[in-house]
């Protein structure tokens, strides 16, 4: 599922015009603050076994320099538009049937990275193929 979600984002030309593909990370893959702006994809929840189908929570975080949140909002809006039109995507042994918007975070400041940040959360519905 991680590969599917990551692939959707880094292959969208509108999103990568604002954050290049090499600045999109999995939540556990960042050792030091990357060049700004950057995005973080956090996936939680497990598909139930043995059928390997169900839902996962997807959080898309965008970090940028102190100041305005306008670019962060613009990027997150592009992610939401991408996910709103995502239906029945098959990749890396998964079928992602749909993405549903859940909520947005308020404007936040990340002390660790020294960045403004904000998040949109989604529910991904899908199943592992051949499970």
Protein backbone atom coordinates (compact mmCIF):
# COMPACT_ATOMS: atom_id res chain seq x y z
CA UNK A 1 0.00 0.00 0.00
CA UNK A 2 2.85 2.40 0.79
CA UNK A 3 4.24 2.06 -2.72
CA UNK A 4 0.84 2.77 -4.27
CA UNK A 5 0.24 5.96 -2.24
CA UNK A 6 3.81 7.21 -2.66
CA UNK A 7 3.67 6.50 -6.40
CA UNK A 8 0.44 8.43 -6.84
CA UNK A 9 1.95 11.52 -5.22
CA UNK A 10 5.39 11.51 -6.86
CA UNK A 11 3.93 10.88 -10.32
CA UNK A 12 1.53 13.82 -10.20
CA UNK A 13 3.09 16.71 -12.17
CA UNK A 14 1.15 19.40 -10.31
CA UNK A 15 2.32 18.17 -6.92
CA UNK A 16 5.93 17.57 -7.97
CA UNK A 17 6.12 21.05 -9.49
CA UNK A 18 5.82 22.31 -5.89
CA UNK A 19 7.61 19.49 -4.03
CA UNK A 20 9.95 17.38 -6.19
CA UNK A 21 9.59 13.60 -6.00
CA UNK A 22 12.85 13.21 -4.05
CA UNK A 23 11.46 15.35 -1.22
CA UNK A 24 8.50 13.06 -0.45
CA UNK A 25 9.29 10.69 2.44
CA UNK A 26 7.80 7.85 4.45
CA UNK A 27 7.35 8.86 8.09
CA UNK A 28 10.23 6.76 9.38
CA UNK A 29 12.71 7.54 6.60
CA UNK A 30 13.85 11.07 7.54
CA UNK A 31 17.09 11.40 9.49
CA UNK A 32 17.60 15.16 9.19
CA UNK A 33 15.52 18.08 7.95
CA UNK A 34 15.37 17.92 4.13
CA UNK A 35 15.37 20.90 1.79
CA UNK A 36 12.11 22.86 2.04
CA UNK A 37 9.36 22.34 1.22
CA UNK A 38 9.04 18.61 1.81
CA UNK A 39 6.25 16.10 2.32
CA UNK A 40 5.80 13.14 4.64
CA UNK A 41 3.40 10.24 4.09
CA UNK A 42 2.30 8.41 7.25
CA UNK A 43 0.24 5.23 6.95
CA UNK A 44 -1.41 3.60 9.95
CA UNK A 45 -3.88 0.82 10.59
CA UNK A 46 -3.66 -2.74 9.42
CA UNK A 47 -5.67 -4.65 6.93
CA UNK A 48 -7.45 -7.46 8.79
CA UNK A 49 -6.23 -10.99 8.23
CA UNK A 50 -6.73 -13.43 6.63
CA UNK A 51 -8.57 -11.59 3.83
CA UNK A 52 -6.03 -8.73 3.63
CA UNK A 53 -8.67 -6.15 2.79
CA UNK A 54 -10.00 -3.14 4.59
CA UNK A 55 -8.94 0.40 5.33
CA UNK A 56 -5.86 2.35 6.35
CA UNK A 57 -5.43 5.92 7.52
CA UNK A 58 -3.19 8.01 5.29
CA UNK A 59 -1.75 11.27 6.62
CA UNK A 60 -0.02 13.61 4.20
CA UNK A 61 2.13 16.20 5.97
CA UNK A 62 3.68 19.19 4.22
CA UNK A 63 6.52 21.18 5.82
CA UNK A 64 7.76 24.58 4.69
CA UNK A 65 9.65 27.61 6.00
CA UNK A 66 8.23 29.84 8.70
CA UNK A 67 5.85 32.41 7.33
CA UNK A 68 2.75 31.87 5.26
CA UNK A 69 0.82 28.61 5.04
CA UNK A 70 -0.40 29.42 1.52
CA UNK A 71 2.00 27.09 -0.32
CA UNK A 72 1.33 24.30 2.20
CA UNK A 73 -2.42 24.70 1.65
CA UNK A 74 -1.94 24.72 -2.14
CA UNK A 75 0.07 21.48 -2.06
CA UNK A 76 -2.39 19.73 0.25
CA UNK A 77 -5.27 20.83 -1.98
CA UNK A 78 -3.52 19.21 -4.97
CA UNK A 79 -3.08 16.00 -2.94
CA UNK A 80 -6.78 16.02 -2.06
CA UNK A 81 -7.76 16.58 -5.71
CA UNK A 82 -5.49 13.66 -6.71
CA UNK A 83 -6.97 11.34 -4.08
CA UNK A 84 -10.54 12.45 -4.92
CA UNK A 85 -10.06 11.10 -8.44
CA UNK A 86 -8.23 7.93 -7.36
CA UNK A 87 -10.32 4.83 -7.97
CA UNK A 88 -9.27 1.24 -8.61
CA UNK A 89 -5.49 1.65 -8.81
CA UNK A 90 -3.46 -1.55 -8.97
CA UNK A 91 0.25 -1.51 -8.11
CA UNK A 92 2.79 -3.51 -6.12
CA UNK A 93 0.34 -6.33 -5.40
CA UNK A 94 -2.41 -4.04 -4.07
CA UNK A 95 -5.73 -2.82 -5.41
CA UNK A 96 -6.58 0.59 -3.99
CA UNK A 97 -10.29 0.99 -4.60
CA UNK A 98 -10.79 4.53 -3.26
CA UNK A 99 -9.48 7.35 -1.07
CA UNK A 100 -11.79 9.35 1.19
CA UNK A 101 -10.89 12.66 2.84
CA UNK A 102 -11.21 12.59 6.65
CA UNK A 103 -9.90 15.85 8.10
CA UNK A 104 -7.26 18.60 8.09
CA UNK A 105 -4.96 19.62 10.90
CA UNK A 106 -4.75 23.23 12.03
CA UNK A 107 -1.72 25.32 11.06
CA UNK A 108 1.13 23.90 13.14
CA UNK A 109 4.81 24.53 13.86
CA UNK A 110 7.21 21.57 14.04
CA UNK A 111 9.89 22.31 16.63
CA UNK A 112 12.06 19.41 15.48
CA UNK A 113 12.39 20.63 11.89
CA UNK A 114 11.77 24.31 12.61
CA UNK A 115 9.04 24.37 9.96
CA UNK A 116 5.45 25.35 9.49
CA UNK A 117 3.46 22.21 8.77
CA UNK A 118 -0.03 20.98 8.14
CA UNK A 119 -1.69 17.64 7.40
CA UNK A 120 -4.62 16.15 5.51
CA UNK A 121 -5.89 12.73 6.55
CA UNK A 122 -7.60 10.20 4.29
CA UNK A 123 -8.98 6.69 4.50
CA UNK A 124 -7.63 4.32 1.86
CA UNK A 125 -9.83 1.34 1.03
CA UNK A 126 -8.30 -1.60 -0.77
CA UNK A 127 -7.01 -5.13 -0.66
CA UNK A 128 -3.90 -7.14 -1.24
CA UNK A 129 -4.14 -9.12 -4.46
CA UNK A 130 -3.90 -12.91 -4.33
CA UNK A 131 -4.47 -12.96 -0.55
